[in-house]
Amino acid sequence: MFGDTHSIVNRRDVVRGAAALGAFGTTLLRDSRPAKATPETFAMGFDASGPTCHIGQYAALAKDFFAEEGLRVRGIAALDNRTAVDQGRAHRLWVKIDTGTTEADFGYFDTDQLHHMVAGKVDYYIVDGNHFGCWSLMVAPNGPIQSVADLKSKTIEIVPYAVEPFLLHGHMWLHHWLKAPGLDAPRDVTLKTYSWEAHSNLNDYVADGFKTGRIAAVVVGEPRPLLMEDKGIARRLITQDATTHDKEFCCLTVIKRAIVDNDPGTAAKIARAIKRARIWAGQHPREAVLAAQAAGYYGAKVPVEASAMAIKCCLSFDSQLDVAQALERALATRIESGGIKTDKTPQELVRLYYRSLEHT
């Protein structure tokens, strides 16, 4: 995910290869290689690129919150974004096991992929929220852009997987998150994806782009903004969180429909373990970051204190926001702007795709 720490991601595979946590007699393997899951072992898909917003999920694995629920869980690295995009996937929970590529039993789901769920392409139920917005629009530290209004007639560059059809993320920036008097973002701002090659060494690409004037602004997700700020490459102009904090979740927890429908008790244990891990990470952000780094999930070069502050101030893993209401808002905004095509109301969609397991 972050170019100057790309080698960390490679080393992570080695670290995970034979790791086993035996707390409470439960085996937990963090393996990005093909793995064979036994019938009584559930597969959790996780993002191996190490985004800050997934610290809560990494905590569930690194601290084995599943064992306390009597569950055996294997964390398996989900397909990388480029592969998922190239293969036309509708979500990022595809994992490789001995028999080929299959869907994980549970894991994370991006709110900006709700259009795929509404289109009937996602075989999961939403069972909980995860965190608030983790994306920021970055500009040159001492450049001329001082306000959102200054983006008029400018081009914003964004990661190549953050646009349709894979994600509605770019759509949401234009239609909902870039607001300023006199600015009609869908008409006044041009959205452009940078190349996959640039993505692998993004800090250098952005620094050079700001220096030459080739780039006016770039949208990136944590921990990239932390790294860019730490190195003086860029500063935040506006964040996704400024619009969505305490209103809608950026990512959601999902569990396979078959598990929820046929074994709701086990589904409730899975959801409860992830929620407990998420809340723990929200209340102990520094400890959670260090645990994720020690387990190899989170980049060793990412600033610990800045990461902990991002969790505490913005990502809010311990939020008590009502999931159904948050989903209604998220669906309404995406229907309103044309990102989701449906004849159903947000309330009807929530009843179709969300299952509360609190009292199961």
Protein backbone atom coordinates (compact mmCIF):
# COMPACT_ATOMS: atom_id res chain seq x y z
CA MET A 1 0.00 0.00 0.00
CA PHE A 2 2.74 2.47 0.83
CA GLY A 3 5.66 2.53 -1.54
CA ASP A 4 8.53 3.23 0.84
CA THR A 5 7.41 0.39 3.11
CA HIS A 6 6.62 -2.08 0.34
CA SER A 7 9.34 -4.41 1.59
CA ILE A 8 7.55 -4.66 4.91
CA VAL A 9 4.55 -6.19 3.19
CA ASN A 10 6.84 -8.74 1.55
CA ARG A 11 8.49 -9.64 4.86
CA ARG A 12 5.06 -9.95 6.40
CA ASP A 13 4.42 -13.08 4.36
CA VAL A 14 7.49 -14.69 5.91
CA VAL A 15 6.53 -13.63 9.42
CA ARG A 16 3.03 -15.04 9.05
CA GLY A 17 4.08 -18.31 7.45
CA ALA A 18 4.20 -20.50 10.54
CA ALA A 19 2.89 -18.19 13.23
CA ALA A 20 0.51 -19.77 15.70
CA LEU A 21 -1.13 -18.29 18.73
CA GLY A 22 -2.23 -20.94 21.21
CA ALA A 23 -4.20 -18.82 23.69
CA PHE A 24 -6.92 -20.90 25.32
CA GLY A 25 -5.87 -23.88 23.22
CA THR A 26 -7.02 -22.20 20.03
CA THR A 27 -4.77 -22.19 16.98
CA LEU A 28 -4.70 -18.97 14.96
CA LEU A 29 -2.63 -18.81 11.78
CA ARG A 30 -1.87 -15.57 9.98
CA ASP A 31 -0.89 -16.87 6.56
CA SER A 32 -1.02 -15.09 3.22
CA ARG A 33 -0.08 -18.31 1.40
CA PRO A 34 -2.69 -20.87 0.25
CA ALA A 35 -4.09 -22.49 3.37
CA LYS A 36 -6.39 -25.38 4.09
CA ALA A 37 -9.21 -24.71 6.52
CA THR A 38 -10.83 -27.57 8.43
CA PRO A 39 -14.64 -27.64 8.71
CA GLU A 40 -14.51 -26.34 12.28
CA THR A 41 -12.10 -23.51 11.39
CA PHE A 42 -13.53 -20.27 10.02
CA ALA A 43 -11.63 -18.16 7.48
CA MET A 44 -11.41 -14.44 8.09
CA GLY A 45 -10.28 -12.38 5.13
CA PHE A 46 -8.04 -9.42 5.99
CA ASP A 47 -6.31 -6.66 4.03
CA ALA A 48 -2.60 -7.46 3.89
CA SER A 49 -1.67 -3.93 2.80
CA GLY A 50 -2.07 -2.73 6.39
CA PRO A 51 -4.55 0.18 6.40
CA THR A 52 -4.85 2.01 9.72
CA CYS A 53 -8.62 1.66 9.66
CA HIS A 54 -8.27 -2.12 9.98
CA ILE A 55 -6.34 -2.05 13.26
CA GLY A 56 -9.46 -3.24 15.06
CA GLN A 57 -9.70 -6.30 12.81
CA TYR A 58 -5.99 -6.98 13.14
CA ALA A 59 -6.48 -6.84 16.91
CA ALA A 60 -9.13 -9.57 16.66
CA LEU A 61 -6.50 -11.82 15.09
CA ALA A 62 -3.34 -10.70 16.91
CA LYS A 63 -4.98 -10.82 20.35
CA ASP A 64 -7.21 -13.78 19.42
CA PHE A 65 -10.52 -12.42 20.64
CA PHE A 66 -12.12 -15.36 18.83
CA ALA A 67 -10.69 -17.85 21.30
CA GLU A 68 -12.66 -16.22 24.10
CA GLU A 69 -15.80 -17.10 22.13
CA GLY A 70 -14.64 -20.69 21.67
CA LEU A 71 -13.95 -20.20 17.96
CA ARG A 72 -11.14 -21.42 15.73
CA VAL A 73 -10.35 -18.73 13.16
CA ARG A 74 -7.68 -18.53 10.49
CA GLY A 75 -6.81 -15.13 9.09
CA ILE A 76 -6.10 -15.33 5.35
CA ALA A 77 -4.91 -12.40 3.26
CA ALA A 78 -7.63 -11.28 0.85
CA LEU A 79 -6.89 -10.71 -2.82
CA ASP A 80 -4.95 -7.51 -3.37
CA ASN A 81 -6.95 -4.65 -4.85
CA ARG A 82 -5.36 -4.81 -8.29
CA THR A 83 -6.19 -8.50 -8.65
CA ALA A 84 -9.72 -7.96 -7.35
CA VAL A 85 -10.27 -5.15 -9.86
CA ASP A 86 -8.73 -7.09 -12.77
CA GLN A 87 -10.93 -10.10 -11.98
CA GLY A 88 -14.09 -8.01 -11.70
CA ARG A 89 -14.77 -8.94 -8.08
CA ALA A 90 -17.64 -7.30 -6.21
CA HIS A 91 -15.80 -7.22 -2.88
CA ARG A 92 -12.36 -7.85 -1.35
CA LEU A 93 -13.03 -10.99 0.69
CA TRP A 94 -11.82 -13.50 -1.88
CA VAL A 95 -9.00 -15.63 -0.49
CA LYS A 96 -6.77 -18.42 -1.80
CA ILE A 97 -7.00 -21.87 -0.23
CA ASP A 98 -5.75 -25.30 -1.38
CA THR A 99 -8.72 -25.84 -3.68
CA GLY A 100 -8.50 -22.42 -5.35
CA THR A 101 -9.96 -18.98 -4.78
CA THR A 102 -13.03 -18.78 -2.58
CA GLU A 103 -14.86 -16.32 -0.35
CA ALA A 104 -13.83 -15.95 3.27
CA ASP A 105 -16.44 -16.80 5.90
CA PHE A 106 -16.37 -13.26 7.21
CA GLY A 107 -14.38 -10.04 7.23
CA TYR A 108 -14.61 -6.44 6.10
CA PHE A 109 -16.79 -4.81 3.46
CA ASP A 110 -16.48 -1.30 2.10
CA THR A 111 -19.56 0.91 2.36
CA ASP A 112 -18.72 2.16 -1.13
CA GLN A 113 -19.39 -1.32 -2.45
CA LEU A 114 -23.01 -1.33 -1.34
CA HIS A 115 -24.01 -0.96 -5.00
CA HIS A 116 -22.74 -4.50 -5.59
CA MET A 117 -24.75 -5.80 -2.63
CA VAL A 118 -27.91 -4.12 -3.90
CA ALA A 119 -27.24 -5.66 -7.34
CA GLY A 120 -27.24 -9.12 -5.76
CA LYS A 121 -23.52 -9.80 -6.22
CA VAL A 122 -22.55 -10.16 -2.55
CA ASP A 123 -23.38 -13.32 -0.56
CA TYR A 124 -22.89 -11.75 2.89
CA TYR A 125 -25.02 -10.05 5.52
CA ILE A 126 -23.85 -6.85 7.16
CA VAL A 127 -23.72 -7.48 10.91
CA ASP A 128 -21.89 -4.45 12.30
CA GLY A 129 -20.04 -1.24 11.51
CA ASN A 130 -16.27 -0.90 11.83
CA HIS A 131 -14.94 2.65 11.67
CA PHE A 132 -15.48 6.14 10.27
CA GLY A 133 -13.81 7.74 7.26
CA CYS A 134 -10.12 7.04 6.68
CA TRP A 135 -9.48 8.94 3.42
CA SER A 136 -7.97 12.41 3.05
CA LEU A 137 -7.50 14.82 0.17
CA MET A 138 -3.89 15.97 0.23
CA VAL A 139 -2.30 19.07 -1.31
CA ALA A 140 1.19 20.53 -1.46
CA PRO A 141 2.40 21.73 1.97
CA ASN A 142 3.05 25.30 0.81
CA GLY A 143 0.98 25.27 -2.36
CA PRO A 144 -1.69 27.71 -3.52
CA ILE A 145 -4.68 25.52 -2.63
CA GLN A 146 -5.88 26.67 0.76
CA SER A 147 -9.57 25.76 0.68
CA VAL A 148 -11.95 23.33 -1.01
CA ALA A 149 -13.18 26.19 -3.19
CA ASP A 150 -9.67 26.46 -4.65
CA LEU A 151 -10.16 23.02 -6.24
CA LYS A 152 -12.39 24.53 -8.91
CA SER A 153 -11.09 23.60 -12.40
CA LYS A 154 -8.46 21.35 -10.79
CA THR A 155 -7.75 17.64 -11.29
CA ILE A 156 -7.71 15.32 -8.29
CA GLU A 157 -5.83 12.04 -8.57
CA ILE A 158 -7.04 8.94 -6.78
CA VAL A 159 -5.95 5.32 -6.32
CA PRO A 160 -6.98 3.18 -9.32
CA TYR A 161 -9.23 0.83 -7.34
CA ALA A 162 -11.30 3.61 -5.75
CA VAL A 163 -13.53 4.27 -8.75
CA GLU A 164 -16.46 2.53 -10.40
CA PRO A 165 -17.28 -0.19 -10.95
CA PHE A 166 -15.19 -1.56 -8.06
CA LEU A 167 -15.80 1.27 -5.58
CA LEU A 168 -18.06 4.32 -5.39
CA HIS A 169 -15.35 6.17 -3.50
CA GLY A 170 -14.44 8.64 -6.21
CA HIS A 171 -18.13 9.14 -6.89
CA MET A 172 -18.70 10.07 -3.25
CA TRP A 173 -15.86 12.60 -3.22
CA LEU A 174 -17.39 14.41 -6.17
CA HIS A 175 -21.02 14.17 -5.12
CA HIS A 176 -20.92 14.45 -1.33
CA TRP A 177 -17.57 15.11 0.32
CA LEU A 178 -16.29 18.11 -1.63
CA LYS A 179 -18.53 20.96 -0.59
CA ALA A 180 -17.82 24.69 -0.80
CA PRO A 181 -19.74 27.82 -1.79
CA GLY A 182 -19.62 28.22 -5.55
CA LEU A 183 -18.18 24.73 -6.14
CA ASP A 184 -20.16 22.10 -8.03
CA ALA A 185 -17.63 19.29 -7.73
CA PRO A 186 -19.11 16.85 -10.31
CA ARG A 187 -18.94 19.66 -12.88
CA ASP A 188 -16.00 21.76 -11.64
CA VAL A 189 -13.51 19.07 -10.56
CA THR A 190 -11.88 16.38 -12.69
CA LEU A 191 -11.19 13.01 -11.08
CA LYS A 192 -8.32 10.98 -12.49
CA THR A 193 -6.76 7.71 -11.38
CA TYR A 194 -3.00 7.46 -11.14
CA SER A 195 -1.33 4.29 -12.40
CA TRP A 196 -0.77 1.07 -10.48
CA GLU A 197 2.94 1.65 -11.00
CA ALA A 198 2.70 5.04 -9.28
CA HIS A 199 0.76 3.41 -6.45
CA SER A 200 3.74 1.21 -5.58
CA ASN A 201 5.92 4.29 -4.97
CA LEU A 202 3.32 6.91 -4.24
CA ASN A 203 5.29 9.22 -1.96
CA ASP A 204 7.86 9.93 -4.69
CA TYR A 205 5.14 10.25 -7.33
CA VAL A 206 3.18 12.80 -5.29
CA ALA A 207 6.24 14.76 -4.18
CA ASP A 208 7.40 15.09 -7.79
CA GLY A 209 3.89 15.94 -8.95
CA PHE A 210 3.55 18.76 -6.45
CA LYS A 211 7.03 20.05 -7.29
CA THR A 212 6.37 20.18 -11.03
CA GLY A 213 2.77 21.32 -10.71
CA ARG A 214 1.54 18.19 -12.47
CA ILE A 215 -0.62 17.25 -9.48
CA ALA A 216 -3.01 19.65 -7.73
CA ALA A 217 -4.39 17.21 -5.16
CA VAL A 218 -4.41 13.51 -4.39
CA VAL A 219 -6.83 11.35 -2.38
CA VAL A 220 -5.26 8.65 -0.18
CA GLY A 221 -6.30 6.44 2.72
CA GLU A 222 -4.59 5.93 6.06
CA PRO A 223 -1.78 5.34 6.78
CA ARG A 224 -0.67 7.15 3.63
CA PRO A 225 -1.69 10.62 4.90
CA LEU A 226 0.24 9.94 8.12
CA LEU A 227 3.35 9.03 6.13
CA MET A 228 3.04 12.00 3.77
CA GLU A 229 2.64 14.40 6.69
CA ASP A 230 5.49 12.78 8.58
CA LYS A 231 7.82 13.29 5.61
CA GLY A 232 6.52 16.79 4.79
CA ILE A 233 5.30 15.69 1.37
CA ALA A 234 1.70 16.85 1.69
CA ARG A 235 -0.90 18.30 4.05
CA ARG A 236 -4.56 17.48 4.49
CA LEU A 237 -7.05 19.83 2.93
CA ILE A 238 -10.22 17.91 3.76
CA THR A 239 -11.10 14.46 5.05
CA GLN A 240 -13.87 12.00 4.39
CA ASP A 241 -14.33 11.95 8.15
CA ALA A 242 -15.31 15.63 8.16
CA THR A 243 -18.53 14.68 6.37
CA THR A 244 -19.23 11.18 7.65
CA HIS A 245 -18.01 11.12 11.27
CA ASP A 246 -20.67 9.66 13.57
CA LYS A 247 -23.05 9.48 10.59
CA GLU A 248 -22.00 6.50 8.50
CA PHE A 249 -19.36 3.79 8.64
CA CYS A 250 -16.56 3.61 6.09
CA CYS A 251 -16.22 -0.20 6.40
CA LEU A 252 -18.57 -2.83 7.74
CA THR A 253 -18.33 -6.32 9.21
CA VAL A 254 -19.96 -8.99 7.06
CA ILE A 255 -20.57 -12.72 7.56
CA LYS A 256 -21.60 -15.28 4.96
CA ARG A 257 -25.36 -15.55 4.65
CA ALA A 258 -25.30 -19.33 5.13
CA ILE A 259 -23.60 -18.98 8.51
CA VAL A 260 -26.02 -16.32 9.72
CA ASP A 261 -29.09 -18.18 8.45
CA ASN A 262 -28.09 -21.71 9.49
CA ASP A 263 -26.00 -21.10 12.61
CA PRO A 264 -26.95 -17.71 14.06
CA GLY A 265 -25.35 -18.56 17.40
CA THR A 266 -21.93 -18.98 15.83
CA ALA A 267 -22.47 -15.90 13.68
CA ALA A 268 -23.20 -13.93 16.83
CA LYS A 269 -19.96 -15.15 18.41
CA ILE A 270 -17.98 -14.04 15.36
CA ALA A 271 -19.61 -10.61 15.36
CA ARG A 272 -19.15 -10.25 19.11
CA ALA A 273 -15.44 -11.13 18.95
CA ILE A 274 -14.78 -8.57 16.20
CA LYS A 275 -16.77 -5.91 18.03
CA ARG A 276 -14.94 -6.53 21.29
CA ALA A 277 -11.60 -6.31 19.46
CA ARG A 278 -12.68 -3.12 17.72
CA ILE A 279 -13.77 -1.49 20.98
CA TRP A 280 -10.57 -2.59 22.70
CA ALA A 281 -8.51 -1.02 19.89
CA GLY A 282 -10.53 2.18 20.16
CA GLN A 283 -9.91 2.39 23.89
CA HIS A 284 -6.25 1.30 23.69
CA PRO A 285 -5.12 2.72 20.34
CA ARG A 286 -1.39 2.77 20.99
CA GLU A 287 -1.37 -0.78 22.31
CA ALA A 288 -3.47 -1.90 19.34
CA VAL A 289 -1.08 -0.30 16.83
CA LEU A 290 1.94 -1.92 18.48
CA ALA A 291 0.19 -5.31 18.55
CA ALA A 292 -0.65 -5.04 14.85
CA GLN A 293 2.94 -4.06 14.03
CA ALA A 294 4.37 -6.88 16.13
CA ALA A 295 2.12 -9.40 14.37
CA GLY A 296 3.16 -8.07 10.97
CA TYR A 297 -0.19 -6.66 9.93
CA TYR A 298 0.75 -2.98 10.13
CA GLY A 299 3.80 -1.29 8.64
CA ALA A 300 6.75 -0.99 11.02
CA LYS A 301 7.65 2.43 9.59
CA VAL A 302 4.22 3.96 10.15
CA PRO A 303 4.36 6.46 13.05
CA VAL A 304 2.84 4.85 16.14
CA GLU A 305 1.68 7.99 17.93
CA ALA A 306 0.13 9.50 14.81
CA SER A 307 -1.65 6.22 14.09
CA ALA A 308 -3.00 6.08 17.64
CA MET A 309 -4.21 9.68 17.33
CA ALA A 310 -6.00 8.88 14.06
CA ILE A 311 -7.78 6.01 15.79
CA LYS A 312 -8.72 8.13 18.78
CA CYS A 313 -9.87 11.27 16.99
CA CYS A 314 -11.38 10.03 13.79
CA LEU A 315 -11.68 6.30 13.12
CA SER A 316 -13.50 5.78 16.43
CA PHE A 317 -13.51 1.99 16.64
CA ASP A 318 -15.43 2.19 19.90
CA SER A 319 -18.32 4.14 18.39
CA GLN A 320 -21.83 3.15 19.46
CA LEU A 321 -23.46 4.51 16.30
CA ASP A 322 -26.66 2.65 15.41
CA VAL A 323 -25.75 0.42 12.47
CA ALA A 324 -29.19 0.31 10.85
CA GLN A 325 -29.53 4.11 10.92
CA ALA A 326 -26.00 4.56 9.59
CA LEU A 327 -26.74 2.17 6.74
CA GLU A 328 -29.94 4.02 5.89
CA ARG A 329 -27.98 7.26 5.59
CA ALA A 330 -25.22 5.65 3.52
CA LEU A 331 -27.71 4.07 1.15
CA ALA A 332 -29.76 7.26 0.86
CA THR A 333 -26.79 9.41 -0.17
CA ARG A 334 -25.66 6.89 -2.78
CA ILE A 335 -29.17 6.47 -4.19
CA GLU A 336 -29.62 10.24 -4.27
CA SER A 337 -26.46 10.77 -6.33
CA GLY A 338 -27.08 7.86 -8.70
CA GLY A 339 -24.37 5.59 -7.36
CA ILE A 340 -26.94 2.93 -6.44
CA LYS A 341 -29.76 2.12 -8.84
CA THR A 342 -32.80 0.63 -7.12
CA ASP A 343 -36.55 1.00 -6.75
CA LYS A 344 -36.37 0.14 -3.05
CA THR A 345 -36.12 2.57 -0.16
CA PRO A 346 -33.04 2.67 2.10
CA GLN A 347 -35.16 1.17 4.88
CA GLU A 348 -36.18 -1.77 2.68
CA LEU A 349 -32.56 -2.36 1.69
CA VAL A 350 -31.44 -2.36 5.31
CA ARG A 351 -34.03 -5.03 6.10
CA LEU A 352 -32.69 -7.13 3.22
CA TYR A 353 -28.96 -6.87 3.88
CA TYR A 354 -28.46 -6.16 7.59
CA ARG A 355 -28.84 -8.63 10.42
CA SER A 356 -28.54 -7.54 14.04
CA LEU A 357 -26.98 -10.31 16.13
CA GLU A 358 -26.84 -8.42 19.40
CA HIS A 359 -29.36 -10.61 21.19
CA THR A 360 -28.69 -13.90 19.42
